[in-house]
Structure formats: structure tokens, C-alpha cells
PDB file of all heavy atoms in Angstrom:
ATOM      1  N   PRO A   1      10.910   3.112 -27.062  1.00  0.00           N
ATOM      2  CA  PRO A   1      10.744   4.202 -28.116  1.00  0.00           C
ATOM      3  C   PRO A   1      10.347   5.535 -27.559  1.00  0.00           C
ATOM      4  O   PRO A   1      10.776   6.593 -28.119  1.00  0.00           O
ATOM      5  CB  PRO A   1       9.592   3.580 -28.989  1.00  0.00           C
ATOM      6  CG  PRO A   1       9.611   2.170 -28.739  1.00  0.00           C
ATOM      7  CD  PRO A   1      10.074   1.923 -27.336  1.00  0.00           C
ATOM      8  N   ASP A   2       9.724   5.620 -26.421  1.00  0.00           N
ATOM      9  CA  ASP A   2       9.380   6.842 -25.909  1.00  0.00           C
ATOM     10  C   ASP A   2      10.506   7.589 -25.071  1.00  0.00           C
ATOM     11  O   ASP A   2      10.247   8.540 -24.369  1.00  0.00           O
ATOM     12  CB  ASP A   2       8.075   6.770 -24.975  1.00  0.00           C
ATOM     13  CG  ASP A   2       8.266   5.955 -23.800  1.00  0.00           C
ATOM     14  OD1 ASP A   2       9.373   5.284 -23.540  1.00  0.00           O
ATOM     15  OD2 ASP A   2       7.364   5.755 -23.009  1.00  0.00           O
ATOM     16  N   GLY A   3      11.704   6.997 -25.002  1.00  0.00           N
ATOM     17  CA  GLY A   3      12.733   7.525 -24.279  1.00  0.00           C
ATOM     18  C   GLY A   3      12.985   6.978 -22.911  1.00  0.00           C
ATOM     19  O   GLY A   3      13.970   7.307 -22.190  1.00  0.00           O
ATOM     20  N   THR A   4      11.921   6.264 -22.369  1.00  0.00           N
ATOM     21  CA  THR A   4      12.135   5.723 -21.056  1.00  0.00           C
ATOM     22  C   THR A   4      12.905   4.311 -21.108  1.00  0.00           C
ATOM     23  O   THR A   4      13.129   3.783 -22.132  1.00  0.00           O
ATOM     24  CB  THR A   4      10.769   5.453 -20.443  1.00  0.00           C
ATOM     25  OG1 THR A   4      10.028   4.461 -21.143  1.00  0.00           O
ATOM     26  CG2 THR A   4      10.003   6.795 -20.294  1.00  0.00           C
ATOM     27  N   TYR A   5      13.088   3.809 -19.890  1.00  0.00           N
ATOM     28  CA  TYR A   5      13.835   2.433 -19.754  1.00  0.00           C
ATOM     29  C   TYR A   5      12.985   1.547 -18.769  1.00  0.00           C
ATOM     30  O   TYR A   5      12.644   2.033 -17.714  1.00  0.00           O
ATOM     31  CB  TYR A   5      15.162   2.600 -19.236  1.00  0.00           C
ATOM     32  CG  TYR A   5      16.089   3.515 -20.117  1.00  0.00           C
ATOM     33  CD1 TYR A   5      16.029   4.888 -19.995  1.00  0.00           C
ATOM     34  CD2 TYR A   5      16.941   2.869 -21.031  1.00  0.00           C
ATOM     35  CE1 TYR A   5      16.819   5.668 -20.819  1.00  0.00           C
ATOM     36  CE2 TYR A   5      17.824   3.713 -21.801  1.00  0.00           C
ATOM     37  CZ  TYR A   5      17.743   5.052 -21.694  1.00  0.00           C
ATOM     38  OH  TYR A   5      18.641   5.819 -22.421  1.00  0.00           O
ATOM     39  N   LEU A   6      12.580   0.433 -19.278  1.00  0.00           N
ATOM     40  CA  LEU A   6      11.717  -0.481 -18.560  1.00  0.00           C
ATOM     41  C   LEU A   6      12.624  -1.670 -18.086  1.00  0.00           C
ATOM     42  O   LEU A   6      13.580  -2.167 -18.768  1.00  0.00           O
ATOM     43  CB  LEU A   6      10.572  -0.915 -19.238  1.00  0.00           C
ATOM     44  CG  LEU A   6       9.575   0.178 -19.713  1.00  0.00           C
ATOM     45  CD1 LEU A   6       8.423  -0.445 -20.471  1.00  0.00           C
ATOM     46  CD2 LEU A   6       9.095   0.944 -18.459  1.00  0.00           C
ATOM     47  N   PRO A   7      12.162  -2.390 -17.004  1.00  0.00           N
ATOM     48  CA  PRO A   7      12.942  -3.560 -16.529  1.00  0.00           C
ATOM     49  C   PRO A   7      12.973  -4.701 -17.638  1.00  0.00           C
ATOM     50  O   PRO A   7      11.950  -4.946 -18.362  1.00  0.00           O
ATOM     51  CB  PRO A   7      12.075  -4.074 -15.392  1.00  0.00           C
ATOM     52  CG  PRO A   7      11.390  -2.802 -14.808  1.00  0.00           C
ATOM     53  CD  PRO A   7      11.105  -1.966 -16.167  1.00  0.00           C
ATOM     54  N   PHE A   8      14.118  -5.222 -17.774  1.00  0.00           N
ATOM     55  CA  PHE A   8      14.351  -6.339 -18.678  1.00  0.00           C
ATOM     56  C   PHE A   8      14.648  -7.569 -17.947  1.00  0.00           C
ATOM     57  O   PHE A   8      14.126  -8.642 -18.150  1.00  0.00           O
ATOM     58  CB  PHE A   8      15.475  -6.026 -19.614  1.00  0.00           C
ATOM     59  CG  PHE A   8      15.686  -6.931 -20.733  1.00  0.00           C
ATOM     60  CD1 PHE A   8      14.693  -7.292 -21.715  1.00  0.00           C
ATOM     61  CD2 PHE A   8      16.872  -7.700 -20.948  1.00  0.00           C
ATOM     62  CE1 PHE A   8      14.867  -8.135 -22.757  1.00  0.00           C
ATOM     63  CE2 PHE A   8      17.068  -8.606 -21.847  1.00  0.00           C
ATOM     64  CZ  PHE A   8      16.097  -8.750 -22.811  1.00  0.00           C
ATOM     65  N   HIS A   9      15.734  -7.555 -17.164  1.00  0.00           N
ATOM     66  CA  HIS A   9      15.998  -8.708 -16.254  1.00  0.00           C
ATOM     67  C   HIS A   9      16.826  -8.339 -15.084  1.00  0.00           C
ATOM     68  O   HIS A   9      17.472  -7.200 -15.059  1.00  0.00           O
ATOM     69  CB  HIS A   9      16.644  -9.928 -17.041  1.00  0.00           C
ATOM     70  CG  HIS A   9      18.022  -9.612 -17.519  1.00  0.00           C
ATOM     71  ND1 HIS A   9      18.542  -9.972 -18.811  1.00  0.00           N
ATOM     72  CD2 HIS A   9      19.163  -9.113 -16.960  1.00  0.00           C
ATOM     73  CE1 HIS A   9      19.770  -9.565 -18.955  1.00  0.00           C
ATOM     74  NE2 HIS A   9      20.255  -9.200 -17.860  1.00  0.00           N
ATOM     75  N   LEU A  10      16.785  -9.168 -14.069  1.00  0.00           N
ATOM     76  CA  LEU A  10      17.598  -8.943 -12.800  1.00  0.00           C
ATOM     77  C   LEU A  10      18.752  -9.855 -12.779  1.00  0.00           C
ATOM     78  O   LEU A  10      18.609 -11.137 -12.880  1.00  0.00           O
ATOM     79  CB  LEU A  10      16.734  -9.131 -11.623  1.00  0.00           C
ATOM     80  CG  LEU A  10      17.402  -8.882 -10.221  1.00  0.00           C
ATOM     81  CD1 LEU A  10      17.487  -7.390 -10.065  1.00  0.00           C
ATOM     82  CD2 LEU A  10      16.558  -9.498  -9.090  1.00  0.00           C
ATOM     83  N   GLN A  11      19.971  -9.426 -12.692  1.00  0.00           N
ATOM     84  CA  GLN A  11      21.110 -10.209 -12.721  1.00  0.00           C
ATOM     85  C   GLN A  11      21.652 -10.358 -11.321  1.00  0.00           C
ATOM     86  O   GLN A  11      21.932  -9.367 -10.579  1.00  0.00           O
ATOM     87  CB  GLN A  11      22.286  -9.667 -13.550  1.00  0.00           C
ATOM     88  CG  GLN A  11      22.059  -9.615 -15.023  1.00  0.00           C
ATOM     89  CD  GLN A  11      23.263  -9.095 -15.816  1.00  0.00           C
ATOM     90  OE1 GLN A  11      24.378  -9.179 -15.299  1.00  0.00           O
ATOM     91  NE2 GLN A  11      23.005  -8.602 -17.057  1.00  0.00           N
ATOM     92  N   VAL A  12      21.881 -11.644 -10.773  1.00  0.00           N
ATOM     93  CA  VAL A  12      22.452 -11.841  -9.573  1.00  0.00           C
ATOM     94  C   VAL A  12      23.897 -12.492  -9.903  1.00  0.00           C
ATOM     95  O   VAL A  12      24.027 -13.534 -10.581  1.00  0.00           O
ATOM     96  CB  VAL A  12      21.746 -12.888  -8.732  1.00  0.00           C
ATOM     97  CG1 VAL A  12      22.424 -13.078  -7.368  1.00  0.00           C
ATOM     98  CG2 VAL A  12      20.343 -12.276  -8.385  1.00  0.00           C
ATOM     99  N   LEU A  13      24.998 -11.822  -9.487  1.00  0.00           N
ATOM    100  CA  LEU A  13      26.352 -12.237  -9.827  1.00  0.00           C
ATOM    101  C   LEU A  13      27.024 -12.953  -8.698  1.00  0.00           C
ATOM    102  O   LEU A  13      26.856 -12.763  -7.460  1.00  0.00           O
ATOM    103  CB  LEU A  13      27.181 -11.026 -10.136  1.00  0.00           C
ATOM    104  CG  LEU A  13      27.029 -10.376 -11.546  1.00  0.00           C
ATOM    105  CD1 LEU A  13      25.604 -10.067 -11.957  1.00  0.00           C
ATOM    106  CD2 LEU A  13      27.825  -9.187 -11.658  1.00  0.00           C
ATOM    107  N   HIS A  14      27.871 -13.940  -9.112  1.00  0.00           N
ATOM    108  CA  HIS A  14      28.700 -14.733  -8.367  1.00  0.00           C
ATOM    109  C   HIS A  14      30.050 -14.470  -8.682  1.00  0.00           C
ATOM    110  O   HIS A  14      30.430 -14.738  -9.888  1.00  0.00           O
ATOM    111  CB  HIS A  14      28.392 -16.268  -8.217  1.00  0.00           C
ATOM    112  CG  HIS A  14      26.950 -16.517  -7.754  1.00  0.00           C
ATOM    113  ND1 HIS A  14      26.604 -16.548  -6.343  1.00  0.00           N
ATOM    114  CD2 HIS A  14      25.810 -16.604  -8.501  1.00  0.00           C
ATOM    115  CE1 HIS A  14      25.357 -16.811  -6.368  1.00  0.00           C
ATOM    116  NE2 HIS A  14      24.773 -16.911  -7.569  1.00  0.00           N
ATOM    117  N   LEU A  15      31.019 -13.942  -7.833  1.00  0.00           N
ATOM    118  CA  LEU A  15      32.318 -13.561  -8.311  1.00  0.00           C
ATOM    119  C   LEU A  15      33.444 -14.509  -7.963  1.00  0.00           C
ATOM    120  O   LEU A  15      33.261 -15.341  -6.966  1.00  0.00           O
ATOM    121  CB  LEU A  15      32.633 -12.246  -7.568  1.00  0.00           C
ATOM    122  CG  LEU A  15      31.762 -11.154  -7.684  1.00  0.00           C
ATOM    123  CD1 LEU A  15      32.251  -9.733  -7.082  1.00  0.00           C
ATOM    124  CD2 LEU A  15      31.305 -10.900  -9.245  1.00  0.00           C
ATOM    125  N   ALA A  16      34.433 -14.558  -8.691  1.00  0.00           N
ATOM    126  CA  ALA A  16      35.604 -15.336  -8.342  1.00  0.00           C
ATOM    127  C   ALA A  16      36.865 -14.393  -8.510  1.00  0.00           C
ATOM    128  O   ALA A  16      37.244 -14.110  -9.644  1.00  0.00           O
ATOM    129  CB  ALA A  16      35.809 -16.525  -9.371  1.00  0.00           C
ATOM    130  N   GLY A  17      37.245 -13.850  -7.404  1.00  0.00           N
ATOM    131  CA  GLY A  17      38.178 -12.843  -7.478  1.00  0.00           C
ATOM    132  C   GLY A  17      37.633 -11.615  -8.098  1.00  0.00           C
ATOM    133  O   GLY A  17      36.601 -11.137  -7.672  1.00  0.00           O
ATOM    134  N   ASP A  18      38.291 -11.095  -9.066  1.00  0.00           N
ATOM    135  CA  ASP A  18      37.954  -9.776  -9.789  1.00  0.00           C
ATOM    136  C   ASP A  18      37.243 -10.128 -11.063  1.00  0.00           C
ATOM    137  O   ASP A  18      37.377  -9.368 -12.004  1.00  0.00           O
ATOM    138  CB  ASP A  18      39.028  -8.822  -9.823  1.00  0.00           C
ATOM    139  CG  ASP A  18      40.218  -9.393 -10.605  1.00  0.00           C
ATOM    140  OD1 ASP A  18      40.184 -10.554 -11.038  1.00  0.00           O
ATOM    141  OD2 ASP A  18      41.201  -8.615 -10.925  1.00  0.00           O
ATOM    142  N   ARG A  19      36.623 -11.361 -11.142  1.00  0.00           N
ATOM    143  CA  ARG A  19      35.859 -11.686 -12.392  1.00  0.00           C
ATOM    144  C   ARG A  19      34.585 -12.173 -11.991  1.00  0.00           C
ATOM    145  O   ARG A  19      34.353 -12.600 -10.810  1.00  0.00           O
ATOM    146  CB  ARG A  19      36.713 -12.698 -13.181  1.00  0.00           C
ATOM    147  CG  ARG A  19      37.953 -12.194 -13.796  1.00  0.00           C
ATOM    148  CD  ARG A  19      37.609 -11.158 -14.961  1.00  0.00           C
ATOM    149  NE  ARG A  19      38.872 -10.656 -15.667  1.00  0.00           N
ATOM    150  CZ  ARG A  19      39.466  -9.658 -15.283  1.00  0.00           C
ATOM    151  NH1 ARG A  19      39.136  -8.868 -14.154  1.00  0.00           N
ATOM    152  NH2 ARG A  19      40.569  -9.251 -15.862  1.00  0.00           N
ATOM    153  N   VAL A  20      33.636 -12.267 -12.976  1.00  0.00           N
ATOM    154  CA  VAL A  20      32.270 -12.765 -12.758  1.00  0.00           C
ATOM    155  C   VAL A  20      32.309 -14.245 -13.198  1.00  0.00           C
ATOM    156  O   VAL A  20      32.649 -14.534 -14.341  1.00  0.00           O
ATOM    157  CB  VAL A  20      31.197 -11.949 -13.579  1.00  0.00           C
ATOM    158  CG1 VAL A  20      29.847 -12.597 -13.387  1.00  0.00           C
ATOM    159  CG2 VAL A  20      31.214 -10.500 -13.152  1.00  0.00           C
ATOM    160  N   ALA A  21      31.940 -15.117 -12.156  1.00  0.00           N
ATOM    161  CA  ALA A  21      31.946 -16.584 -12.454  1.00  0.00           C
ATOM    162  C   ALA A  21      30.583 -17.034 -12.913  1.00  0.00           C
ATOM    163  O   ALA A  21      30.516 -18.051 -13.527  1.00  0.00           O
ATOM    164  CB  ALA A  21      32.510 -17.351 -11.265  1.00  0.00           C
ATOM    165  N   LYS A  22      29.521 -16.424 -12.419  1.00  0.00           N
ATOM    166  CA  LYS A  22      28.218 -16.931 -12.816  1.00  0.00           C
ATOM    167  C   LYS A  22      27.257 -15.768 -12.725  1.00  0.00           C
ATOM    168  O   LYS A  22      27.369 -14.857 -11.887  1.00  0.00           O
ATOM    169  CB  LYS A  22      27.828 -18.057 -11.704  1.00  0.00           C
ATOM    170  CG  LYS A  22      26.489 -18.585 -11.885  1.00  0.00           C
ATOM    171  CD  LYS A  22      26.208 -19.701 -10.991  1.00  0.00           C
ATOM    172  CE  LYS A  22      24.777 -20.363 -11.172  1.00  0.00           C
ATOM    173  NZ  LYS A  22      24.579 -21.446 -10.146  1.00  0.00           N
ATOM    174  N   VAL A  23      26.331 -15.745 -13.597  1.00  0.00           N
ATOM    175  CA  VAL A  23      25.244 -14.744 -13.694  1.00  0.00           C
ATOM    176  C   VAL A  23      23.864 -15.490 -13.700  1.00  0.00           C
ATOM    177  O   VAL A  23      23.680 -16.391 -14.637  1.00  0.00           O
ATOM    178  CB  VAL A  23      25.271 -13.862 -14.881  1.00  0.00           C
ATOM    179  CG1 VAL A  23      24.063 -12.910 -14.917  1.00  0.00           C
ATOM    180  CG2 VAL A  23      26.684 -13.085 -14.912  1.00  0.00           C
ATOM    181  N   SER A  24      23.046 -15.223 -12.709  1.00  0.00           N
ATOM    182  CA  SER A  24      21.671 -15.797 -12.766  1.00  0.00           C
ATOM    183  C   SER A  24      20.770 -14.620 -13.236  1.00  0.00           C
ATOM    184  O   SER A  24      20.602 -13.659 -12.436  1.00  0.00           O
ATOM    185  CB  SER A  24      21.237 -16.277 -11.379  1.00  0.00           C
ATOM    186  OG  SER A  24      22.086 -17.378 -11.088  1.00  0.00           O
ATOM    187  N   ALA A  25      20.210 -14.651 -14.442  1.00  0.00           N
ATOM    188  CA  ALA A  25      19.374 -13.584 -14.989  1.00  0.00           C
ATOM    189  C   ALA A  25      17.810 -13.927 -14.888  1.00  0.00           C
ATOM    190  O   ALA A  25      17.414 -15.015 -15.434  1.00  0.00           O
ATOM    191  CB  ALA A  25      19.743 -13.320 -16.398  1.00  0.00           C
ATOM    192  N   PHE A  26      17.204 -13.168 -14.059  1.00  0.00           N
ATOM    193  CA  PHE A  26      15.666 -13.447 -13.913  1.00  0.00           C
ATOM    194  C   PHE A  26      14.895 -12.483 -14.778  1.00  0.00           C
ATOM    195  O   PHE A  26      14.838 -11.311 -14.536  1.00  0.00           O
ATOM    196  CB  PHE A  26      15.364 -13.156 -12.389  1.00  0.00           C
ATOM    197  CG  PHE A  26      16.085 -14.129 -11.447  1.00  0.00           C
ATOM    198  CD1 PHE A  26      17.331 -13.830 -10.955  1.00  0.00           C
ATOM    199  CD2 PHE A  26      15.403 -15.225 -10.948  1.00  0.00           C
ATOM    200  CE1 PHE A  26      17.982 -14.679 -10.011  1.00  0.00           C
ATOM    201  CE2 PHE A  26      15.979 -16.041  -9.984  1.00  0.00           C
ATOM    202  CZ  PHE A  26      17.190 -15.781  -9.609  1.00  0.00           C
ATOM    203  N   PHE A  27      14.221 -13.110 -15.705  1.00  0.00           N
ATOM    204  CA  PHE A  27      13.334 -12.310 -16.661  1.00  0.00           C
ATOM    205  C   PHE A  27      11.922 -12.327 -16.062  1.00  0.00           C
ATOM    206  O   PHE A  27      11.001 -12.789 -16.552  1.00  0.00           O
ATOM    207  CB  PHE A  27      13.308 -12.952 -18.022  1.00  0.00           C
ATOM    208  CG  PHE A  27      14.611 -12.780 -18.699  1.00  0.00           C
ATOM    209  CD1 PHE A  27      15.713 -13.661 -18.586  1.00  0.00           C
ATOM    210  CD2 PHE A  27      14.769 -11.729 -19.608  1.00  0.00           C
ATOM    211  CE1 PHE A  27      16.917 -13.638 -19.200  1.00  0.00           C
ATOM    212  CE2 PHE A  27      15.963 -11.656 -20.328  1.00  0.00           C
ATOM    213  CZ  PHE A  27      17.040 -12.451 -20.099  1.00  0.00           C
ATOM    214  N   ASP A  28      11.820 -11.527 -15.006  1.00  0.00           N
ATOM    215  CA  ASP A  28      10.494 -11.290 -14.347  1.00  0.00           C
ATOM    216  C   ASP A  28      10.556  -9.846 -13.694  1.00  0.00           C
ATOM    217  O   ASP A  28      11.164  -9.645 -12.716  1.00  0.00           O
ATOM    218  CB  ASP A  28      10.301 -12.274 -13.259  1.00  0.00           C
ATOM    219  CG  ASP A  28       8.926 -12.173 -12.601  1.00  0.00           C
ATOM    220  OD1 ASP A  28       8.213 -11.204 -12.892  1.00  0.00           O
ATOM    221  OD2 ASP A  28       8.478 -13.041 -11.776  1.00  0.00           O
ATOM    222  N   ASP A  29       9.930  -8.916 -14.348  1.00  0.00           N
ATOM    223  CA  ASP A  29       9.952  -7.511 -13.928  1.00  0.00           C
ATOM    224  C   ASP A  29       9.371  -7.276 -12.671  1.00  0.00           C
ATOM    225  O   ASP A  29       9.606  -6.241 -12.044  1.00  0.00           O
ATOM    226  CB  ASP A  29       9.382  -6.642 -15.005  1.00  0.00           C
ATOM    227  CG  ASP A  29       7.929  -6.888 -15.468  1.00  0.00           C
ATOM    228  OD1 ASP A  29       7.321  -7.639 -14.683  1.00  0.00           O
ATOM    229  OD2 ASP A  29       7.573  -6.349 -16.384  1.00  0.00           O
ATOM    230  N   ARG A  30       8.619  -8.240 -12.173  1.00  0.00           N
ATOM    231  CA  ARG A  30       7.954  -8.046 -10.817  1.00  0.00           C
ATOM    232  C   ARG A  30       9.048  -8.112  -9.714  1.00  0.00           C
ATOM    233  O   ARG A  30       8.805  -7.504  -8.673  1.00  0.00           O
ATOM    234  CB  ARG A  30       6.963  -9.169 -10.569  1.00  0.00           C
ATOM    235  CG  ARG A  30       5.723  -9.141 -11.491  1.00  0.00           C
ATOM    236  CD  ARG A  30       4.863 -10.307 -11.234  1.00  0.00           C
ATOM    237  NE  ARG A  30       5.545 -11.480 -11.670  1.00  0.00           N
ATOM    238  CZ  ARG A  30       4.907 -12.695 -11.537  1.00  0.00           C
ATOM    239  NH1 ARG A  30       3.739 -12.832 -11.062  1.00  0.00           N
ATOM    240  NH2 ARG A  30       5.615 -13.834 -12.006  1.00  0.00           N
ATOM    241  N   LEU A  31      10.172  -8.724  -9.985  1.00  0.00           N
ATOM    242  CA  LEU A  31      11.160  -8.743  -8.945  1.00  0.00           C
ATOM    243  C   LEU A  31      11.878  -7.386  -8.800  1.00  0.00           C
ATOM    244  O   LEU A  31      12.477  -7.140  -7.656  1.00  0.00           O
ATOM    245  CB  LEU A  31      12.308  -9.727  -9.435  1.00  0.00           C
ATOM    246  CG  LEU A  31      11.855 -11.225  -9.478  1.00  0.00           C
ATOM    247  CD1 LEU A  31      13.015 -12.104  -9.977  1.00  0.00           C
ATOM    248  CD2 LEU A  31      11.329 -11.747  -8.094  1.00  0.00           C
ATOM    249  N   PHE A  32      11.793  -6.485  -9.673  1.00  0.00           N
ATOM    250  CA  PHE A  32      12.407  -5.177  -9.553  1.00  0.00           C
ATOM    251  C   PHE A  32      11.908  -4.442  -8.380  1.00  0.00           C
ATOM    252  O   PHE A  32      12.657  -3.940  -7.490  1.00  0.00           O
ATOM    253  CB  PHE A  32      12.227  -4.263 -10.881  1.00  0.00           C
ATOM    254  CG  PHE A  32      13.251  -4.601 -11.892  1.00  0.00           C
ATOM    255  CD1 PHE A  32      13.271  -5.843 -12.460  1.00  0.00           C
ATOM    256  CD2 PHE A  32      14.157  -3.702 -12.315  1.00  0.00           C
ATOM    257  CE1 PHE A  32      14.187  -6.209 -13.358  1.00  0.00           C
ATOM    258  CE2 PHE A  32      15.097  -3.955 -13.328  1.00  0.00           C
ATOM    259  CZ  PHE A  32      15.048  -5.191 -13.832  1.00  0.00           C
ATOM    260  N   ALA A  33      10.611  -4.294  -8.183  1.00  0.00           N
ATOM    261  CA  ALA A  33      10.007  -3.686  -7.021  1.00  0.00           C
ATOM    262  C   ALA A  33      10.395  -4.379  -5.726  1.00  0.00           C
ATOM    263  O   ALA A  33      10.662  -3.728  -4.663  1.00  0.00           O
ATOM    264  CB  ALA A  33       8.546  -3.547  -7.174  1.00  0.00           C
ATOM    265  N   ARG A  34      10.439  -5.622  -5.745  1.00  0.00           N
ATOM    266  CA  ARG A  34      10.749  -6.474  -4.594  1.00  0.00           C
ATOM    267  C   ARG A  34      12.204  -6.280  -4.117  1.00  0.00           C
ATOM    268  O   ARG A  34      12.577  -6.464  -3.012  1.00  0.00           O
ATOM    269  CB  ARG A  34      10.432  -7.922  -4.801  1.00  0.00           C
ATOM    270  CG  ARG A  34       8.941  -8.229  -4.993  1.00  0.00           C
ATOM    271  CD  ARG A  34       8.751  -9.637  -5.300  1.00  0.00           C
ATOM    272  NE  ARG A  34       8.942 -10.567  -4.123  1.00  0.00           N
ATOM    273  CZ  ARG A  34       8.658 -11.855  -4.175  1.00  0.00           C
ATOM    274  NH1 ARG A  34       8.268 -12.486  -5.304  1.00  0.00           N
ATOM    275  NH2 ARG A  34       8.906 -12.629  -3.229  1.00  0.00           N
ATOM    276  N   PHE A  35      13.046  -5.864  -5.117  1.00  0.00           N
ATOM    277  CA  PHE A  35      14.407  -5.500  -4.810  1.00  0.00           C
ATOM    278  C   PHE A  35      14.674  -4.083  -4.522  1.00  0.00           C
ATOM    279  O   PHE A  35      15.801  -3.524  -4.547  1.00  0.00           O
ATOM    280  CB  PHE A  35      15.360  -6.060  -5.872  1.00  0.00           C
ATOM    281  CG  PHE A  35      15.775  -7.506  -5.660  1.00  0.00           C
ATOM    282  CD1 PHE A  35      14.946  -8.517  -6.231  1.00  0.00           C
ATOM    283  CD2 PHE A  35      16.750  -7.892  -4.962  1.00  0.00           C
ATOM    284  CE1 PHE A  35      15.184  -9.792  -6.019  1.00  0.00           C
ATOM    285  CE2 PHE A  35      17.202  -9.188  -4.801  1.00  0.00           C
ATOM    286  CZ  PHE A  35      16.404 -10.286  -5.340  1.00  0.00           C
ATOM    287  N   GLY A  36      13.542  -3.317  -4.417  1.00  0.00           N
ATOM    288  CA  GLY A  36      13.697  -1.823  -4.307  1.00  0.00           C
ATOM    289  C   GLY A  36      14.063  -1.095  -5.510  1.00  0.00           C
ATOM    290  O   GLY A  36      14.623   0.096  -5.256  1.00  0.00           O
ATOM    291  N   LEU A  37      13.957  -1.626  -6.662  1.00  0.00           N
ATOM    292  CA  LEU A  37      14.304  -0.791  -7.841  1.00  0.00           C
ATOM    293  C   LEU A  37      13.076  -0.225  -8.588  1.00  0.00           C
ATOM    294  O   LEU A  37      11.994  -0.845  -8.497  1.00  0.00           O
ATOM    295  CB  LEU A  37      14.990  -1.884  -8.877  1.00  0.00           C
ATOM    296  CG  LEU A  37      16.326  -2.508  -8.420  1.00  0.00           C
ATOM    297  CD1 LEU A  37      16.667  -3.610  -9.371  1.00  0.00           C
ATOM    298  CD2 LEU A  37      17.376  -1.484  -8.338  1.00  0.00           C
ATOM    299  N   PRO A  38      13.265   0.873  -9.203  1.00  0.00           N
ATOM    300  CA  PRO A  38      12.211   1.566  -9.805  1.00  0.00           C
ATOM    301  C   PRO A  38      11.660   0.751 -11.036  1.00  0.00           C
ATOM    302  O   PRO A  38      12.338  -0.062 -11.645  1.00  0.00           O
ATOM    303  CB  PRO A  38      12.784   2.833 -10.330  1.00  0.00           C
ATOM    304  CG  PRO A  38      14.188   2.669 -10.432  1.00  0.00           C
ATOM    305  CD  PRO A  38      14.527   1.698  -9.332  1.00  0.00           C
ATOM    306  N   ILE A  39      10.322   0.912 -11.329  1.00  0.00           N
ATOM    307  CA  ILE A  39       9.729   0.160 -12.421  1.00  0.00           C
ATOM    308  C   ILE A  39       9.835   0.793 -13.797  1.00  0.00           C
ATOM    309  O   ILE A  39       9.489   0.258 -14.808  1.00  0.00           O
ATOM    310  CB  ILE A  39       8.239  -0.227 -12.098  1.00  0.00           C
ATOM    311  CG1 ILE A  39       7.409   1.134 -11.924  1.00  0.00           C
ATOM    312  CG2 ILE A  39       8.219  -1.225 -10.943  1.00  0.00           C
ATOM    313  CD1 ILE A  39       6.031   0.751 -11.798  1.00  0.00           C
ATOM    314  N   VAL A  40      10.264   2.070 -13.693  1.00  0.00           N
ATOM    315  CA  VAL A  40      10.549   2.763 -15.023  1.00  0.00           C
ATOM    316  C   VAL A  40      11.684   3.870 -14.689  1.00  0.00           C
ATOM    317  O   VAL A  40      11.683   4.361 -13.619  1.00  0.00           O
ATOM    318  CB  VAL A  40       9.318   3.436 -15.469  1.00  0.00           C
ATOM    319  CG1 VAL A  40       8.705   4.454 -14.461  1.00  0.00           C
ATOM    320  CG2 VAL A  40       9.551   4.168 -16.849  1.00  0.00           C
ATOM    321  N   LEU A  41      12.559   3.963 -15.650  1.00  0.00           N
ATOM    322  CA  LEU A  41      13.598   5.001 -15.564  1.00  0.00           C
ATOM    323  C   LEU A  41      13.404   6.031 -16.623  1.00  0.00           C
ATOM    324  O   LEU A  41      13.144   5.722 -17.790  1.00  0.00           O
ATOM    325  CB  LEU A  41      14.933   4.386 -15.821  1.00  0.00           C
ATOM    326  CG  LEU A  41      15.576   3.509 -14.673  1.00  0.00           C
ATOM    327  CD1 LEU A  41      16.868   3.027 -15.194  1.00  0.00           C
ATOM    328  CD2 LEU A  41      15.693   4.261 -13.396  1.00  0.00           C
ATOM    329  N   GLN A  42      13.340   7.349 -16.175  1.00  0.00           N
ATOM    330  CA  GLN A  42      13.287   8.351 -17.220  1.00  0.00           C
ATOM    331  C   GLN A  42      14.858   8.733 -17.508  1.00  0.00           C
ATOM    332  O   GLN A  42      15.674   8.397 -16.793  1.00  0.00           O
ATOM    333  CB  GLN A  42      12.667   9.635 -16.569  1.00  0.00           C
ATOM    334  CG  GLN A  42      11.250   9.423 -16.118  1.00  0.00           C
ATOM    335  CD  GLN A  42      10.253   9.283 -17.327  1.00  0.00           C
ATOM    336  OE1 GLN A  42      10.618   9.616 -18.468  1.00  0.00           O
ATOM    337  NE2 GLN A  42       9.145   8.606 -16.969  1.00  0.00           N
TER     338      GLN A  42
END
């Protein structure tokens, strides 16, 4: 609501050619920092 964007989930993709065959979605915002991603977006 304040205009910022907060972590929701981390998607790890497995591809089959030029399509996505599998998505592993991790709903743990602690992983964002461990993957070098900011914890808040303006």
C-alpha cells in the first residue's frame, strides 16, 4: 500500500527448450538476501 514492493517468493526455473518445464517457488523471504536480492524495492 505504501508504494514499495516486498519479497513474495523466489522462483527457480527448469527449462525445456524455449519453455518453462518446472517452477520451484520458495515462499521464504529470507532467501532473497541469501541470493543477493534486495529486501525492499522502491
